[in-house]
N, C-alpha and C. Protein backbone atom coordinates (compact mmCIF):
# COMPACT_ATOMS: atom_id res chain seq x y z
N UNK A 1 71.66 31.69 237.03
CA UNK A 1 71.45 31.08 235.73
C UNK A 1 72.76 30.49 235.20
N UNK A 2 73.85 31.22 235.40
CA UNK A 2 75.14 30.70 234.94
C UNK A 2 75.50 29.40 235.65
N UNK A 3 75.19 29.34 236.93
CA UNK A 3 75.50 28.14 237.70
C UNK A 3 74.71 26.94 237.18
N UNK A 4 73.47 27.17 236.82
CA UNK A 4 72.64 26.08 236.30
C UNK A 4 73.18 25.56 234.97
N UNK A 5 73.74 26.43 234.16
CA UNK A 5 74.30 26.00 232.87
C UNK A 5 75.67 25.38 233.03
N UNK A 6 76.44 25.81 234.01
CA UNK A 6 77.80 25.30 234.15
C UNK A 6 77.85 23.96 234.88
N UNK A 7 76.85 23.63 235.67
CA UNK A 7 76.84 22.34 236.37
C UNK A 7 76.82 21.14 235.42
N UNK A 8 75.96 21.12 234.41
CA UNK A 8 76.01 19.97 233.48
C UNK A 8 77.35 19.87 232.75
N UNK A 9 77.93 21.00 232.42
CA UNK A 9 79.23 20.98 231.75
C UNK A 9 80.28 20.41 232.69
N UNK A 10 80.24 20.79 233.94
CA UNK A 10 81.17 20.28 234.93
C UNK A 10 81.01 18.76 235.10
N UNK A 11 79.80 18.29 235.13
CA UNK A 11 79.54 16.85 235.26
C UNK A 11 80.10 16.09 234.07
N UNK A 12 79.92 16.62 232.88
CA UNK A 12 80.44 15.95 231.69
C UNK A 12 81.97 15.93 231.69
N UNK A 13 82.59 17.03 232.09
CA UNK A 13 84.05 17.09 232.15
C UNK A 13 84.59 16.11 233.19
N UNK A 14 83.95 16.05 234.35
CA UNK A 14 84.38 15.09 235.37
C UNK A 14 84.21 13.65 234.89
N UNK A 15 83.14 13.38 234.18
CA UNK A 15 82.94 12.03 233.67
C UNK A 15 84.02 11.66 232.66
N UNK A 16 84.43 12.62 231.85
CA UNK A 16 85.47 12.36 230.87
C UNK A 16 86.82 12.15 231.55
N UNK A 17 87.11 12.94 232.61
CA UNK A 17 88.39 12.81 233.32
C UNK A 17 88.45 11.49 234.08
N UNK A 18 87.36 11.10 234.68
CA UNK A 18 87.33 9.88 235.48
C UNK A 18 87.02 8.64 234.66
N UNK A 19 86.99 8.77 233.35
CA UNK A 19 86.65 7.65 232.48
C UNK A 19 87.66 6.52 232.66
N UNK A 20 87.16 5.33 232.68
CA UNK A 20 87.99 4.14 232.85
C UNK A 20 88.80 3.90 231.58
N UNK A 21 90.10 3.57 231.69
CA UNK A 21 90.90 3.32 230.49
C UNK A 21 90.41 2.11 229.68
N UNK A 22 89.68 1.21 230.31
CA UNK A 22 89.14 0.06 229.58
C UNK A 22 88.14 0.54 228.53
N UNK A 23 87.40 1.60 228.84
CA UNK A 23 86.45 2.14 227.87
C UNK A 23 87.17 2.66 226.63
N UNK A 24 88.36 3.21 226.82
CA UNK A 24 89.13 3.70 225.67
C UNK A 24 89.52 2.54 224.77
N UNK A 25 89.86 1.40 225.35
CA UNK A 25 90.20 0.23 224.55
C UNK A 25 88.98 -0.33 223.83
N UNK A 26 87.82 -0.25 224.45
CA UNK A 26 86.63 -0.76 223.80
C UNK A 26 86.27 0.09 222.58
N UNK A 27 86.63 1.38 222.60
CA UNK A 27 86.41 2.22 221.42
C UNK A 27 87.24 1.74 220.25
N UNK A 28 88.45 1.28 220.51
CA UNK A 28 89.31 0.76 219.45
C UNK A 28 88.68 -0.49 218.84
N UNK A 29 88.16 -1.38 219.68
CA UNK A 29 87.51 -2.59 219.18
C UNK A 29 86.27 -2.24 218.36
N UNK A 30 85.54 -1.25 218.83
CA UNK A 30 84.35 -0.83 218.10
C UNK A 30 84.73 -0.31 216.72
N UNK A 31 85.80 0.44 216.65
CA UNK A 31 86.26 0.97 215.37
C UNK A 31 86.64 -0.16 214.43
N UNK A 32 87.34 -1.16 214.94
CA UNK A 32 87.75 -2.30 214.11
C UNK A 32 86.52 -3.09 213.65
N UNK A 33 85.58 -3.29 214.56
CA UNK A 33 84.35 -4.01 214.20
C UNK A 33 83.55 -3.25 213.16
N UNK A 34 83.52 -1.93 213.29
CA UNK A 34 82.79 -1.11 212.33
C UNK A 34 83.43 -1.19 210.94
N UNK A 35 84.76 -1.20 210.88
CA UNK A 35 85.45 -1.33 209.60
C UNK A 35 85.19 -2.70 208.99
N UNK A 36 85.19 -3.74 209.82
CA UNK A 36 84.92 -5.09 209.34
C UNK A 36 83.50 -5.18 208.78
N UNK A 37 82.55 -4.59 209.50
CA UNK A 37 81.16 -4.58 209.03
C UNK A 37 81.04 -3.83 207.71
N UNK A 38 81.73 -2.69 207.60
CA UNK A 38 81.68 -1.90 206.37
C UNK A 38 82.24 -2.66 205.18
N UNK A 39 83.35 -3.35 205.37
CA UNK A 39 83.93 -4.09 204.25
C UNK A 39 83.06 -5.29 203.87
N UNK A 40 82.45 -5.94 204.85
CA UNK A 40 81.55 -7.05 204.55
C UNK A 40 80.32 -6.56 203.79
N UNK A 41 79.78 -5.42 204.22
CA UNK A 41 78.62 -4.84 203.54
C UNK A 41 78.98 -4.44 202.11
N UNK A 42 80.17 -3.86 201.93
CA UNK A 42 80.61 -3.47 200.60
C UNK A 42 80.70 -4.68 199.68
N UNK A 43 81.24 -5.78 200.18
CA UNK A 43 81.37 -7.00 199.38
C UNK A 43 80.00 -7.54 198.99
N UNK A 44 79.05 -7.52 199.91
CA UNK A 44 77.70 -8.02 199.61
C UNK A 44 77.01 -7.15 198.56
N UNK A 45 77.18 -5.84 198.67
CA UNK A 45 76.57 -4.93 197.70
C UNK A 45 77.18 -5.13 196.32
N UNK A 46 78.50 -5.28 196.27
CA UNK A 46 79.17 -5.52 194.98
C UNK A 46 78.68 -6.83 194.35
N UNK A 47 78.54 -7.85 195.17
CA UNK A 47 78.05 -9.14 194.67
C UNK A 47 76.63 -9.00 194.13
N UNK A 48 75.77 -8.28 194.84
CA UNK A 48 74.39 -8.09 194.39
C UNK A 48 74.34 -7.30 193.08
N UNK A 49 75.16 -6.27 192.95
CA UNK A 49 75.18 -5.47 191.72
C UNK A 49 75.68 -6.31 190.56
N UNK A 50 76.71 -7.12 190.78
CA UNK A 50 77.20 -8.00 189.72
C UNK A 50 76.14 -9.01 189.30
N UNK A 51 75.41 -9.53 190.27
CA UNK A 51 74.34 -10.48 189.96
C UNK A 51 73.25 -9.82 189.11
N UNK A 52 72.89 -8.59 189.45
CA UNK A 52 71.87 -7.87 188.68
C UNK A 52 72.37 -7.58 187.28
N UNK A 53 73.64 -7.21 187.15
CA UNK A 53 74.19 -6.92 185.82
C UNK A 53 74.19 -8.17 184.93
N UNK A 54 74.42 -9.33 185.52
CA UNK A 54 74.49 -10.56 184.75
C UNK A 54 73.11 -11.18 184.48
N UNK A 55 72.10 -10.72 185.16
CA UNK A 55 70.77 -11.29 184.97
C UNK A 55 70.07 -10.64 183.79
N UNK A 56 68.89 -11.15 183.47
CA UNK A 56 68.11 -10.64 182.34
C UNK A 56 67.13 -9.54 182.76
N UNK A 57 67.15 -9.14 183.99
CA UNK A 57 66.19 -8.15 184.48
C UNK A 57 66.27 -6.83 183.72
N UNK A 58 67.46 -6.24 183.51
CA UNK A 58 67.49 -4.96 182.77
C UNK A 58 66.98 -5.09 181.34
N UNK A 59 67.36 -6.19 180.68
CA UNK A 59 66.91 -6.38 179.29
C UNK A 59 65.40 -6.58 179.24
N UNK A 60 64.86 -7.39 180.12
CA UNK A 60 63.42 -7.63 180.15
C UNK A 60 62.65 -6.35 180.46
N UNK A 61 63.17 -5.56 181.37
CA UNK A 61 62.52 -4.30 181.71
C UNK A 61 62.51 -3.35 180.52
N UNK A 62 63.63 -3.27 179.84
CA UNK A 62 63.73 -2.39 178.66
C UNK A 62 62.76 -2.85 177.56
N UNK A 63 62.67 -4.14 177.34
CA UNK A 63 61.76 -4.67 176.33
C UNK A 63 60.31 -4.40 176.72
N UNK A 64 59.98 -4.58 178.00
CA UNK A 64 58.62 -4.34 178.46
C UNK A 64 58.23 -2.89 178.26
N UNK A 65 59.13 -1.94 178.63
CA UNK A 65 58.83 -0.53 178.43
C UNK A 65 58.67 -0.20 176.95
N UNK A 66 59.52 -0.76 176.11
CA UNK A 66 59.41 -0.49 174.68
C UNK A 66 58.09 -1.00 174.12
N UNK A 67 57.71 -2.21 174.49
CA UNK A 67 56.45 -2.77 174.01
C UNK A 67 55.26 -1.96 174.52
N UNK A 68 55.28 -1.59 175.78
CA UNK A 68 54.18 -0.81 176.35
C UNK A 68 54.08 0.56 175.68
N UNK A 69 55.21 1.20 175.44
CA UNK A 69 55.22 2.49 174.77
C UNK A 69 54.67 2.36 173.34
N UNK A 70 55.06 1.31 172.66
CA UNK A 70 54.56 1.09 171.30
C UNK A 70 53.04 0.87 171.30
N UNK A 71 52.54 0.10 172.25
CA UNK A 71 51.11 -0.15 172.34
C UNK A 71 50.34 1.14 172.62
N UNK A 72 50.83 1.96 173.54
CA UNK A 72 50.16 3.21 173.88
C UNK A 72 50.21 4.15 172.68
N UNK A 73 51.33 4.21 172.00
CA UNK A 73 51.48 5.06 170.83
C UNK A 73 50.51 4.64 169.73
N UNK A 74 50.39 3.36 169.50
CA UNK A 74 49.47 2.83 168.48
C UNK A 74 48.02 3.11 168.88
N UNK A 75 47.70 2.97 170.14
CA UNK A 75 46.34 3.22 170.61
C UNK A 75 45.97 4.70 170.40
N UNK A 76 46.90 5.62 170.67
CA UNK A 76 46.65 7.03 170.43
C UNK A 76 46.44 7.31 168.94
N UNK A 77 47.22 6.68 168.10
CA UNK A 77 47.08 6.88 166.66
C UNK A 77 45.71 6.42 166.17
N UNK A 78 45.27 5.27 166.64
CA UNK A 78 43.96 4.74 166.18
C UNK A 78 42.80 5.54 166.79
N UNK A 79 42.99 6.05 167.99
CA UNK A 79 41.90 6.74 168.68
C UNK A 79 41.75 8.19 168.21
N UNK A 80 42.83 8.93 168.08
CA UNK A 80 42.74 10.35 167.81
C UNK A 80 43.02 10.75 166.36
N UNK A 81 43.58 9.89 165.57
CA UNK A 81 43.88 10.30 164.19
C UNK A 81 43.23 9.43 163.17
């Protein structure tokens, strides 16, 4: 049983030791690309949030909820009292 468990570990260790140095360099490029993607995504999200803040959507939503609440409140008053 021990041999069956140690063989996969041995294979993984050998793969890591025999790893090509070019693969190590590709990890560096991947890291740089990931950082570039993250900063681009951050900029797009900031732009979208700024656009939402400058638009009338929050004000219109607030007005709609207020009007709907007032209508429901008035309907309850006329119906139950």
